[in-house]
N, C-alpha and C. Protein backbone atom coordinates (compact mmCIF):
# COMPACT_ATOMS: atom_id res chain seq x y z
N MET A 1 47.97 77.64 69.62
CA MET A 1 46.87 77.98 70.18
C MET A 1 46.12 78.26 68.93
N THR A 2 46.36 79.01 68.34
CA THR A 2 46.03 78.87 67.10
C THR A 2 46.27 78.09 65.65
N SER A 3 47.27 77.39 65.96
CA SER A 3 47.30 75.99 64.92
C SER A 3 45.84 75.00 65.57
N ARG A 4 46.04 75.52 66.74
CA ARG A 4 44.91 74.12 66.81
C ARG A 4 43.75 74.43 66.73
N GLY A 5 43.43 76.08 67.05
CA GLY A 5 42.00 76.09 66.74
C GLY A 5 42.02 76.15 65.27
N ALA A 6 42.37 76.37 64.58
CA ALA A 6 42.27 76.46 62.86
C ALA A 6 42.13 74.96 62.21
N GLY A 7 42.98 74.03 62.87
CA GLY A 7 42.82 72.29 62.81
C GLY A 7 40.97 71.98 62.94
N PHE A 8 40.46 72.69 63.80
CA PHE A 8 39.30 72.29 64.92
C PHE A 8 38.34 72.90 63.58
N SER A 9 38.61 74.28 62.99
CA SER A 9 37.41 74.55 62.41
C SER A 9 37.67 73.96 60.84
N GLU A 10 38.78 73.76 60.58
CA GLU A 10 38.62 73.10 59.15
C GLU A 10 38.08 71.79 59.18
N GLY A 11 37.95 71.11 60.61
CA GLY A 11 37.83 69.68 60.58
C GLY A 11 36.06 69.54 60.63
N VAL A 12 35.28 70.23 61.02
CA VAL A 12 33.98 70.74 61.19
C VAL A 12 33.65 71.08 59.83
N GLY A 13 34.28 72.16 59.46
CA GLY A 13 33.92 72.42 57.79
C GLY A 13 33.78 71.16 57.06
N ASP A 14 34.87 70.02 56.87
CA ASP A 14 34.61 68.85 56.52
C ASP A 14 33.32 67.97 56.94
N ILE A 15 32.84 68.34 57.84
CA ILE A 15 31.97 67.19 58.14
C ILE A 15 30.40 67.83 57.91
N ASP A 16 30.44 69.49 57.50
CA ASP A 16 29.19 69.66 57.19
C ASP A 16 29.00 69.66 56.26
N SER A 17 30.00 69.61 55.13
CA SER A 17 29.95 69.88 54.00
C SER A 17 29.44 68.72 52.37
N PRO A 18 30.36 67.63 52.57
CA PRO A 18 29.91 66.52 52.14
C PRO A 18 29.17 65.48 52.48
N ASP A 19 29.28 65.46 54.08
CA ASP A 19 28.80 63.88 53.94
C ASP A 19 27.51 64.07 54.91
N THR A 20 26.91 65.27 55.15
CA THR A 20 25.76 65.37 55.64
C THR A 20 24.24 66.34 54.38
N GLY A 21 24.94 66.42 53.25
CA GLY A 21 24.31 66.39 52.13
C GLY A 21 22.89 65.76 52.32
N GLY A 22 22.71 64.15 52.16
CA GLY A 22 22.23 62.89 52.10
C GLY A 22 21.07 63.10 53.14
N ILE A 23 21.52 63.57 54.47
CA ILE A 23 20.85 63.79 55.56
C ILE A 23 19.58 64.97 55.61
N ARG A 24 20.35 66.17 54.96
CA ARG A 24 19.51 67.43 55.03
C ARG A 24 18.60 67.22 53.33
N ARG A 25 19.21 66.31 52.72
CA ARG A 25 18.00 66.45 51.12
C ARG A 25 16.92 65.44 52.20
N LEU A 26 16.94 64.28 52.96
CA LEU A 26 16.28 63.65 53.82
C LEU A 26 15.24 64.63 54.55
N GLN A 27 15.77 65.49 55.47
CA GLN A 27 15.15 66.47 56.49
C GLN A 27 14.10 67.57 55.25
N ARG A 28 14.36 67.77 54.42
CA ARG A 28 13.58 68.51 53.24
C ARG A 28 12.60 67.79 52.81
N VAL A 29 12.57 66.63 52.51
CA VAL A 29 11.79 65.46 51.84
C VAL A 29 10.68 65.42 52.95
N ALA A 30 11.25 65.04 54.11
CA ALA A 30 10.65 64.86 55.12
C ALA A 30 9.45 65.96 55.83
N ARG A 31 10.03 67.44 55.70
CA ARG A 31 9.08 68.79 55.86
C ARG A 31 8.46 68.68 54.46
N GLU A 32 9.01 68.34 53.67
CA GLU A 32 7.81 68.27 52.62
C GLU A 32 6.09 67.51 52.26
N HIS A 33 6.72 66.48 52.87
CA HIS A 33 5.98 65.42 52.58
C HIS A 33 5.61 64.75 53.91
N TRP A 34 5.34 65.23 54.96
CA TRP A 34 5.06 64.93 56.47
C TRP A 34 3.68 64.47 56.61
N MET A 35 2.83 64.62 55.91
CA MET A 35 1.71 64.52 55.97
C MET A 35 1.19 62.90 55.24
N LEU A 36 2.32 62.87 54.33
CA LEU A 36 1.57 61.71 53.93
C LEU A 36 2.76 60.56 54.30
N ILE A 37 3.69 61.16 55.06
CA ILE A 37 4.69 60.30 55.85
C ILE A 37 3.83 59.63 56.97
N ALA A 38 2.59 61.05 58.07
CA ALA A 38 2.17 60.20 58.93
C ALA A 38 1.28 59.72 58.72
N GLY A 39 0.81 59.77 57.50
CA GLY A 39 -0.39 58.87 57.37
C GLY A 39 -0.23 57.58 56.95
N ALA A 40 0.75 57.45 56.28
CA ALA A 40 1.27 56.18 56.29
C ALA A 40 1.52 55.47 57.57
N VAL A 41 2.16 55.92 58.67
CA VAL A 41 2.45 55.11 59.82
C VAL A 41 1.31 55.36 60.23
N VAL A 42 0.20 55.79 60.78
CA VAL A 42 -0.88 55.77 61.18
C VAL A 42 -1.62 54.29 60.55
N ILE A 43 -1.97 54.72 59.05
CA ILE A 43 -2.37 53.19 58.14
C ILE A 43 -1.47 51.92 58.86
N SER A 44 -0.60 52.06 59.01
CA SER A 44 0.03 50.97 59.36
C SER A 44 -0.30 50.19 60.70
N MET A 45 -0.36 51.54 62.05
CA MET A 45 -0.46 50.83 63.42
C MET A 45 -1.95 50.49 63.04
N LEU A 46 -2.82 51.18 62.51
CA LEU A 46 -4.17 50.74 62.52
C LEU A 46 -4.44 49.47 62.05
N ALA A 47 -3.73 48.99 60.70
CA ALA A 47 -3.72 47.84 60.18
C ALA A 47 -3.23 46.48 60.96
N ALA A 48 -2.62 46.95 61.64
CA ALA A 48 -1.54 45.91 62.82
C ALA A 48 -2.37 45.69 63.91
N LEU A 49 -3.23 46.86 64.82
CA LEU A 49 -4.12 46.83 65.39
C LEU A 49 -5.20 46.09 64.80
N ALA A 50 -6.02 46.02 63.95
CA ALA A 50 -7.41 45.28 63.21
C ALA A 50 -6.76 43.64 63.39
N PHE A 51 -5.43 43.65 62.81
CA PHE A 51 -5.07 42.28 62.59
C PHE A 51 -5.15 41.42 64.09
N ALA A 52 -4.73 42.27 65.16
CA ALA A 52 -4.40 41.57 66.51
C ALA A 52 -5.51 41.70 66.90
N PHE A 53 -6.63 42.35 66.60
CA PHE A 53 -7.78 42.41 67.46
C PHE A 53 -9.07 40.53 66.74
N THR A 54 -8.65 40.71 65.42
CA THR A 54 -9.27 40.04 64.82
C THR A 54 -8.93 38.54 64.20
N SER A 55 -7.63 38.36 64.31
CA SER A 55 -6.80 37.28 64.50
C SER A 55 -7.38 36.18 65.46
N ASP A 56 -7.43 34.94 65.52
CA ASP A 56 -7.63 34.11 67.04
C ASP A 56 -6.82 33.71 67.28
N ASP A 57 -6.05 33.46 68.44
CA ASP A 57 -5.07 33.11 68.78
C ASP A 57 -5.19 31.07 68.64
N THR A 58 -4.07 30.94 68.55
CA THR A 58 -4.00 29.50 68.17
C THR A 58 -2.91 28.52 69.61
N TYR A 59 -3.30 27.50 69.88
CA TYR A 59 -2.85 26.60 71.21
C TYR A 59 -2.34 25.51 70.47
N GLU A 60 -1.42 24.99 70.72
CA GLU A 60 -0.74 23.35 70.69
C GLU A 60 -0.76 22.90 71.55
N ALA A 61 -0.94 21.63 72.02
CA ALA A 61 -1.15 21.02 73.12
C ALA A 61 -0.06 19.31 72.50
N GLU A 62 0.51 19.01 73.38
CA GLU A 62 0.99 17.79 72.66
C GLU A 62 0.93 16.48 74.01
N ALA A 63 0.55 15.49 73.44
CA ALA A 63 0.56 14.40 74.23
C ALA A 63 1.40 12.83 73.60
N VAL A 64 1.98 12.34 74.34
CA VAL A 64 3.15 11.33 74.05
C VAL A 64 3.20 9.82 74.40
N ILE A 65 3.07 9.12 73.06
CA ILE A 65 2.66 7.90 73.61
C ILE A 65 4.20 6.96 73.35
N GLN A 66 4.17 6.43 74.46
CA GLN A 66 5.66 5.81 74.57
C GLN A 66 5.17 4.18 74.51
N VAL A 67 5.93 4.10 73.58
CA VAL A 67 6.15 2.50 73.02
C VAL A 67 7.21 1.41 73.07
N THR A 68 6.91 -0.05 73.91
CA THR A 68 7.75 -0.57 74.34
C THR A 68 7.79 -1.50 73.12
N PRO A 69 8.67 -2.05 72.50
CA PRO A 69 8.43 -3.22 71.42
C PRO A 69 8.48 -4.07 72.08
N VAL A 70 8.22 -5.48 71.68
CA VAL A 70 8.00 -6.77 72.14
C VAL A 70 9.31 -7.38 71.94
N THR A 71 9.94 -8.72 72.40
CA THR A 71 10.70 -8.60 72.50
C THR A 71 10.78 -10.59 72.04
N ASP A 72 9.57 -10.71 72.35
CA ASP A 72 9.36 -12.17 72.33
C ASP A 72 8.62 -12.59 70.84
N GLU A 73 10.02 -12.89 69.93
CA GLU A 73 9.28 -12.88 68.57
C GLU A 73 8.33 -14.45 68.45
N ALA A 74 8.71 -15.66 69.33
CA ALA A 74 8.36 -16.63 69.01
C ALA A 74 6.75 -16.34 69.82
N SER A 75 6.27 -15.71 70.40
CA SER A 75 4.63 -15.56 70.86
C SER A 75 4.21 -14.53 69.84
N PHE A 76 4.88 -13.64 69.25
CA PHE A 76 4.09 -12.32 68.52
C PHE A 76 4.11 -12.46 67.13
N SER A 77 5.23 -12.93 66.82
CA SER A 77 4.94 -13.28 65.38
C SER A 77 4.11 -13.22 64.64
N GLY A 78 3.99 -12.79 63.49
CA GLY A 78 2.62 -12.32 62.61
C GLY A 78 1.47 -11.58 63.08
N LEU A 79 1.90 -11.32 64.46
CA LEU A 79 0.39 -10.22 65.08
C LEU A 79 0.89 -9.02 65.01
N PRO A 80 -0.05 -8.16 64.91
CA PRO A 80 0.34 -6.49 64.82
C PRO A 80 1.05 -5.98 65.91
N VAL A 81 1.84 -5.98 66.30
CA VAL A 81 2.47 -5.28 67.43
C VAL A 81 3.72 -4.94 66.07
N ILE A 82 4.66 -3.72 67.56
CA ILE A 82 5.54 -3.23 67.27
C ILE A 82 6.55 -4.48 67.67
N GLY A 83 7.35 -4.73 67.39
CA GLY A 83 8.73 -5.71 67.84
C GLY A 83 10.25 -5.33 67.75
N GLN A 84 11.23 -5.46 68.10
CA GLN A 84 12.21 -5.59 67.77
C GLN A 84 12.85 -6.52 67.02
N PHE A 85 12.35 -7.79 66.99
CA PHE A 85 12.51 -8.46 66.13
C PHE A 85 12.02 -8.52 64.67
N SER A 86 11.23 -7.19 64.35
CA SER A 86 11.01 -6.29 62.86
C SER A 86 11.66 -5.55 62.87
N ASP A 87 11.09 -4.29 62.18
CA ASP A 87 11.85 -2.75 62.02
C ASP A 87 11.07 -1.87 62.92
N PRO A 88 11.18 -1.94 63.98
CA PRO A 88 10.27 -1.23 65.43
C PRO A 88 10.10 0.34 64.73
N LEU A 89 10.95 1.05 64.03
CA LEU A 89 11.07 2.36 63.98
C LEU A 89 9.95 2.73 62.99
N ARG A 90 10.07 1.44 61.45
CA ARG A 90 9.22 1.76 60.73
C ARG A 90 7.38 1.37 61.23
N ASP A 91 7.58 0.85 62.58
CA ASP A 91 6.19 0.46 62.76
C ASP A 91 5.84 1.32 63.49
N LEU A 92 6.79 2.19 64.02
CA LEU A 92 6.08 3.52 64.25
C LEU A 92 5.77 4.22 63.72
N GLN A 93 6.14 4.51 62.50
CA GLN A 93 5.74 5.28 61.60
C GLN A 93 4.50 5.05 61.20
N THR A 94 4.21 3.84 60.91
CA THR A 94 2.94 3.54 60.51
C THR A 94 1.90 3.56 61.65
N LEU A 95 1.82 3.50 62.77
CA LEU A 95 1.21 3.96 63.98
C LEU A 95 1.37 5.44 63.61
N ALA A 96 2.19 6.11 63.31
CA ALA A 96 2.12 7.99 62.96
C ALA A 96 1.10 7.99 62.43
N ARG A 97 1.00 7.40 61.12
CA ARG A 97 0.10 7.79 60.20
C ARG A 97 -1.20 7.20 60.36
N GLN A 98 -1.34 6.14 61.24
CA GLN A 98 -2.46 5.56 61.63
C GLN A 98 -3.31 6.58 62.27
N VAL A 99 -2.96 7.74 63.67
CA VAL A 99 -3.26 8.53 64.24
C VAL A 99 -4.56 9.26 63.41
N ASN A 100 -4.49 9.62 62.09
CA ASN A 100 -5.21 10.51 61.25
C ASN A 100 -5.92 9.84 60.30
N THR A 101 -6.08 8.39 60.41
CA THR A 101 -6.93 7.47 59.93
C THR A 101 -8.56 7.87 60.55
N PRO A 102 -9.10 7.55 59.33
CA PRO A 102 -11.22 7.92 59.86
C PRO A 102 -11.17 6.89 61.35
N ASP A 103 -10.76 6.13 61.69
CA ASP A 103 -10.97 5.07 62.45
C ASP A 103 -10.47 5.60 63.98
N VAL A 104 -9.12 6.25 63.90
CA VAL A 104 -8.58 6.97 65.08
C VAL A 104 -9.54 8.49 65.71
N GLU A 105 -10.20 8.87 64.08
CA GLU A 105 -10.79 9.94 64.33
C GLU A 105 -12.27 10.18 65.21
N GLN A 106 -13.01 8.96 64.67
CA GLN A 106 -14.12 8.54 65.45
C GLN A 106 -13.92 8.14 66.43
N ALA A 107 -12.95 7.58 66.93
CA ALA A 107 -12.99 7.16 68.05
C ALA A 107 -12.76 8.38 69.34
N ALA A 108 -11.46 9.25 68.61
CA ALA A 108 -11.31 10.19 69.08
C ALA A 108 -12.31 11.31 69.47
N ALA A 109 -13.76 11.27 68.71
CA ALA A 109 -14.48 12.11 68.56
C ALA A 109 -15.61 11.51 69.60
N ARG A 110 -15.34 10.32 69.53
CA ARG A 110 -17.00 9.66 70.81
C ARG A 110 -15.54 9.72 72.31
N VAL A 111 -14.50 10.06 72.11
CA VAL A 111 -14.26 10.10 73.40
C VAL A 111 -14.26 11.59 74.27
N LEU A 112 -13.93 12.55 73.04
CA LEU A 112 -14.64 13.86 73.43
C LEU A 112 -16.01 14.14 73.88
N ALA A 113 -16.56 13.32 73.41
CA ALA A 113 -18.20 13.38 73.49
C ALA A 113 -18.44 13.08 74.68
N GLU A 114 -17.67 11.89 74.98
CA GLU A 114 -18.16 11.41 76.62
C GLU A 114 -17.39 12.60 77.61
N GLU A 115 -16.72 13.16 77.16
CA GLU A 115 -16.12 14.20 78.10
C GLU A 115 -17.17 15.22 78.33
N GLY A 116 -17.84 15.37 77.21
CA GLY A 116 -18.91 16.46 77.03
C GLY A 116 -18.17 17.95 76.79
N GLY A 117 -16.95 17.87 76.55
CA GLY A 117 -16.26 18.71 75.97
C GLY A 117 -16.79 18.89 74.32
N VAL A 118 -15.44 19.56 73.87
CA VAL A 118 -15.25 19.90 72.17
C VAL A 118 -15.71 18.56 71.63
N SER A 119 -15.85 18.77 70.19
CA SER A 119 -16.54 17.83 69.81
C SER A 119 -15.53 17.64 68.15
N SER A 120 -15.08 19.03 67.92
CA SER A 120 -14.20 18.99 66.77
C SER A 120 -13.03 18.64 66.82
N SER A 121 -12.22 17.98 66.00
CA SER A 121 -10.80 17.28 66.57
C SER A 121 -9.97 18.43 66.02
N GLY A 122 -10.10 19.63 65.36
CA GLY A 122 -9.28 20.68 65.50
C GLY A 122 -7.95 20.07 64.17
N ASP A 123 -6.80 20.54 64.69
CA ASP A 123 -5.86 19.81 63.38
C ASP A 123 -4.26 19.07 64.40
N VAL A 124 -4.62 17.73 64.10
CA VAL A 124 -3.76 17.03 64.79
C VAL A 124 -3.11 16.22 63.71
N THR A 125 -1.62 16.18 64.51
CA THR A 125 -0.80 15.75 63.37
C THR A 125 0.40 14.56 64.52
N ALA A 126 0.60 13.43 64.05
CA ALA A 126 1.59 12.76 64.96
C ALA A 126 2.72 12.59 63.90
N VAL A 127 3.86 12.24 65.03
CA VAL A 127 5.60 11.97 64.03
C VAL A 127 6.19 11.50 65.43
N PRO A 128 6.67 10.16 64.68
CA PRO A 128 8.21 9.62 65.93
C PRO A 128 9.38 10.81 66.31
N ILE A 129 9.12 10.97 67.66
CA ILE A 129 10.49 11.85 68.23
C ILE A 129 11.86 11.49 67.84
N GLY A 130 12.26 11.55 66.92
CA GLY A 130 13.88 11.22 66.51
C GLY A 130 13.81 9.95 66.29
N GLU A 131 14.61 8.79 66.97
CA GLU A 131 15.08 7.59 66.59
C GLU A 131 14.53 6.91 68.19
N SER A 132 14.03 7.66 68.86
CA SER A 132 13.60 7.08 70.20
C SER A 132 11.93 6.42 69.90
N PHE A 133 11.59 5.16 70.82
CA PHE A 133 10.29 4.89 70.73
C PHE A 133 8.82 5.78 71.20
N LEU A 134 8.89 7.00 70.88
CA LEU A 134 8.11 7.88 71.37
C LEU A 134 7.03 8.84 70.41
N LEU A 135 6.22 8.78 70.49
CA LEU A 135 5.24 9.06 69.27
C LEU A 135 4.73 10.30 69.75
N SER A 136 4.89 11.53 69.32
CA SER A 136 4.01 12.84 69.74
C SER A 136 3.19 12.65 68.99
N VAL A 137 1.71 13.03 69.51
CA VAL A 137 0.60 13.65 68.68
C VAL A 137 0.48 14.64 69.08
N SER A 138 0.38 15.84 68.50
CA SER A 138 -0.30 17.26 68.90
C SER A 138 -1.05 17.74 68.03
N ALA A 139 -2.36 18.61 68.92
CA ALA A 139 -3.50 19.00 68.52
C ALA A 139 -3.44 20.68 68.66
N GLU A 140 -3.82 21.67 67.38
CA GLU A 140 -3.92 22.91 67.78
C GLU A 140 -5.88 23.33 68.10
N ALA A 141 -5.96 24.46 68.89
CA ALA A 141 -7.03 24.68 68.92
C ALA A 141 -7.12 26.13 69.69
N SER A 142 -8.56 26.93 69.47
CA SER A 142 -8.06 28.42 69.75
C SER A 142 -8.27 28.40 71.69
N ASP A 143 -8.09 27.12 72.05
CA ASP A 143 -8.72 27.06 73.51
C ASP A 143 -7.16 26.34 74.02
N PRO A 144 -6.23 26.32 74.86
CA PRO A 144 -5.35 25.66 75.47
C PRO A 144 -5.95 24.18 75.76
N GLU A 145 -6.85 24.35 76.95
CA GLU A 145 -7.59 23.14 77.71
C GLU A 145 -7.98 22.80 76.38
N GLU A 146 -8.64 23.14 75.50
CA GLU A 146 -9.20 22.20 74.08
C GLU A 146 -8.35 21.40 73.55
N ALA A 147 -7.25 21.88 72.99
CA ALA A 147 -6.32 21.45 72.60
C ALA A 147 -5.66 20.42 73.04
N ALA A 148 -5.86 20.54 74.40
CA ALA A 148 -4.89 19.43 75.43
C ALA A 148 -6.16 18.13 75.33
N ARG A 149 -7.31 18.24 75.23
CA ARG A 149 -8.28 17.62 75.54
C ARG A 149 -8.03 16.30 74.23
N ILE A 150 -7.88 17.42 73.10
CA ILE A 150 -7.92 16.62 71.79
C ILE A 150 -6.26 15.70 71.52
N ALA A 151 -5.26 16.59 72.34
CA ALA A 151 -4.48 15.70 71.97
C ALA A 151 -4.32 14.06 72.58
N ASN A 152 -4.90 14.23 73.80
CA ASN A 152 -4.81 12.87 74.60
C ASN A 152 -6.30 12.43 74.03
N ALA A 153 -7.26 12.89 73.46
CA ALA A 153 -8.05 11.86 73.37
C ALA A 153 -7.99 11.25 71.86
N PHE A 154 -6.62 11.75 71.25
CA PHE A 154 -6.17 10.73 69.90
C PHE A 154 -5.64 10.08 70.22
N ALA A 155 -4.32 10.22 71.19
CA ALA A 155 -3.48 9.33 71.96
C ALA A 155 -4.04 7.94 72.29
N TYR A 156 -5.28 8.19 73.15
CA TYR A 156 -5.86 7.33 73.39
C TYR A 156 -6.83 6.49 72.79
N ALA A 157 -7.02 7.35 71.73
CA ALA A 157 -8.21 6.72 70.35
C ALA A 157 -6.76 5.90 69.42
N ALA A 158 -5.88 6.03 69.39
CA ALA A 158 -4.82 5.58 68.53
C ALA A 158 -4.57 4.25 69.19
N VAL A 159 -4.23 4.07 70.47
CA VAL A 159 -3.74 3.12 71.18
C VAL A 159 -5.43 1.85 71.39
N GLY A 160 -6.55 2.44 71.44
CA GLY A 160 -7.42 1.72 71.59
C GLY A 160 -7.97 1.12 69.99
N VAL A 161 -7.27 1.89 68.98
CA VAL A 161 -7.56 1.39 67.52
C VAL A 161 -6.87 -0.14 67.43
N ARG A 162 -5.52 0.58 67.62
CA ARG A 162 -4.45 -0.60 67.72
C ARG A 162 -5.16 -2.11 68.52
N SER A 163 -5.22 -1.91 69.71
CA SER A 163 -5.75 -2.91 70.23
C SER A 163 -7.04 -3.65 70.05
N ALA A 164 -7.85 -2.56 69.48
CA ALA A 164 -9.07 -3.28 68.43
C ALA A 164 -8.46 -4.92 67.21
N GLU A 165 -7.07 -3.93 66.61
CA GLU A 165 -6.81 -4.78 65.59
C GLU A 165 -6.25 -5.92 66.51
N PHE A 166 -5.59 -5.80 67.33
CA PHE A 166 -4.86 -6.94 67.67
C PHE A 166 -5.27 -7.84 68.68
N TYR A 167 -6.37 -7.62 69.15
CA TYR A 167 -6.96 -9.14 69.80
C TYR A 167 -7.84 -10.43 69.13
N PRO A 168 -8.73 -9.59 67.62
CA PRO A 168 -9.48 -10.94 66.88
C PRO A 168 -8.01 -11.23 66.48
N GLU A 169 -6.96 -10.81 65.99
CA GLU A 169 -5.60 -11.40 65.25
C GLU A 169 -5.37 -12.52 66.33
N LEU A 170 -5.46 -12.23 67.61
CA LEU A 170 -4.71 -13.05 68.75
C LEU A 170 -5.68 -14.29 68.94
N ARG A 171 -6.83 -14.08 68.77
CA ARG A 171 -7.71 -15.06 69.06
C ARG A 171 -7.77 -16.05 67.67
N ARG A 172 -7.50 -15.63 66.59
CA ARG A 172 -7.04 -16.07 65.39
C ARG A 172 -6.00 -16.94 65.23
N VAL A 173 -4.84 -16.67 66.13
CA VAL A 173 -3.70 -17.43 66.13
C VAL A 173 -3.77 -18.44 67.02
N VAL A 174 -4.74 -18.12 68.49
CA VAL A 174 -4.91 -19.24 69.54
C VAL A 174 -5.68 -20.64 68.90
N GLY A 175 -6.87 -19.99 68.20
CA GLY A 175 -7.29 -20.92 67.44
C GLY A 175 -6.85 -21.82 66.50
N SER A 176 -5.99 -21.13 65.32
CA SER A 176 -4.78 -21.89 64.80
C SER A 176 -3.72 -22.81 65.21
N LEU A 177 -3.80 -22.56 66.56
CA LEU A 177 -2.70 -23.01 67.05
C LEU A 177 -3.35 -24.69 67.75
N GLY A 178 -4.32 -24.13 68.13
CA GLY A 178 -5.16 -24.87 69.23
C GLY A 178 -5.52 -26.24 68.24
N ASP A 179 -5.88 -26.09 67.04
CA ASP A 179 -6.40 -27.12 65.94
C ASP A 179 -5.07 -27.67 65.26
N SER A 180 -3.64 -27.27 65.61
CA SER A 180 -2.30 -27.82 64.78
C SER A 180 -1.98 -29.20 65.93
N PRO A 181 -1.52 -29.94 65.08
CA PRO A 181 -0.70 -31.32 65.98
C PRO A 181 0.22 -30.75 66.90
N PRO A 182 -0.26 -31.27 67.97
CA PRO A 182 0.65 -30.84 69.12
C PRO A 182 2.18 -30.95 69.41
N GLY A 183 2.93 -30.36 69.90
CA GLY A 183 4.33 -30.54 69.67
C GLY A 183 5.16 -29.18 70.23
N GLY A 184 6.66 -29.57 70.79
CA GLY A 184 7.07 -28.61 71.80
C GLY A 184 6.93 -27.19 71.11
N ALA A 185 7.37 -26.95 70.21
CA ALA A 185 7.02 -25.69 69.81
C ALA A 185 5.74 -25.22 69.67
N VAL A 186 4.62 -25.79 69.35
CA VAL A 186 3.37 -25.31 69.04
C VAL A 186 2.42 -25.04 70.57
N THR A 187 3.20 -26.19 71.37
CA THR A 187 2.47 -26.01 72.85
C THR A 187 2.87 -24.66 73.36
N SER A 188 4.23 -24.62 73.34
CA SER A 188 5.53 -23.26 73.63
C SER A 188 4.21 -21.88 73.49
N ARG A 189 4.12 -22.10 72.12
CA ARG A 189 4.23 -20.33 71.57
C ARG A 189 2.27 -20.25 71.78
N LEU A 190 1.53 -21.60 71.78
CA LEU A 190 0.02 -22.11 72.35
C LEU A 190 0.00 -21.13 73.65
N ALA A 191 0.97 -21.74 74.79
CA ALA A 191 0.66 -21.03 76.24
C ALA A 191 1.10 -19.67 76.04
N GLY A 192 1.68 -19.36 75.30
CA GLY A 192 2.29 -17.75 75.55
C GLY A 192 1.21 -16.61 75.08
N VAL A 193 0.62 -16.75 73.72
CA VAL A 193 -0.38 -16.41 73.14
C VAL A 193 -1.57 -16.36 74.22
N ARG A 194 -2.26 -17.48 74.35
CA ARG A 194 -3.50 -17.12 75.67
C ARG A 194 -2.93 -16.33 76.90
N ALA A 195 -1.67 -16.73 76.90
CA ALA A 195 -1.63 -15.55 78.56
C ALA A 195 -1.92 -13.97 77.77
N LEU A 196 -1.70 -14.10 76.64
CA LEU A 196 -2.04 -12.67 76.22
C LEU A 196 -3.32 -12.20 76.18
N VAL A 197 -4.31 -13.30 75.80
CA VAL A 197 -5.92 -13.38 75.92
C VAL A 197 -6.58 -12.60 77.08
N GLY A 198 -6.79 -11.37 77.00
CA GLY A 198 -7.44 -10.18 78.33
C GLY A 198 -6.18 -9.51 78.90
N GLY A 199 -5.68 -9.23 78.01
CA GLY A 199 -4.59 -8.50 78.70
C GLY A 199 -4.73 -7.38 78.10
N ARG A 200 -3.69 -6.67 78.46
CA ARG A 200 -3.76 -5.13 77.84
C ARG A 200 -2.46 -5.19 76.85
């Protein structure tokens, strides 16, 4: 019994002497400089609260454009379309870059103005989603509904601008084929492109 008690008291002495010296020094420093430490904590809390109340929340919304590459090379060759006979992923990157052009921005602004909502375009980005035929159009704004309206407006505007570029070229091709000497290939392509006039 005596041996165990001695061993226990010796163990307590080992813990108290070398290992707790640093803790005791920290306690002494904390007692001596408690006002400075408390002041630093209060200042940090006040700064965090000020930032929380003064910073604006930002919301992000996404609209996704699904692209279906055309497969009829004979009819669409030379037209501004995304086709499997060219490099569709490269064309999709071109479409993504077009989202931030002035033409699309102006068209999106008109869509937003017609809705009677926001007129600001916010922060809009467009990127292809992986190697799929999906294009992500995302917008940031201080209001979630505003961000959604902006993303949708830019998606619709991008499609509209592409259509506005496509149909004049289509009419040009129709006119060129109509002036060409008739033949099997010309007649077949002319019938194909004429079917596109007035379509979506």
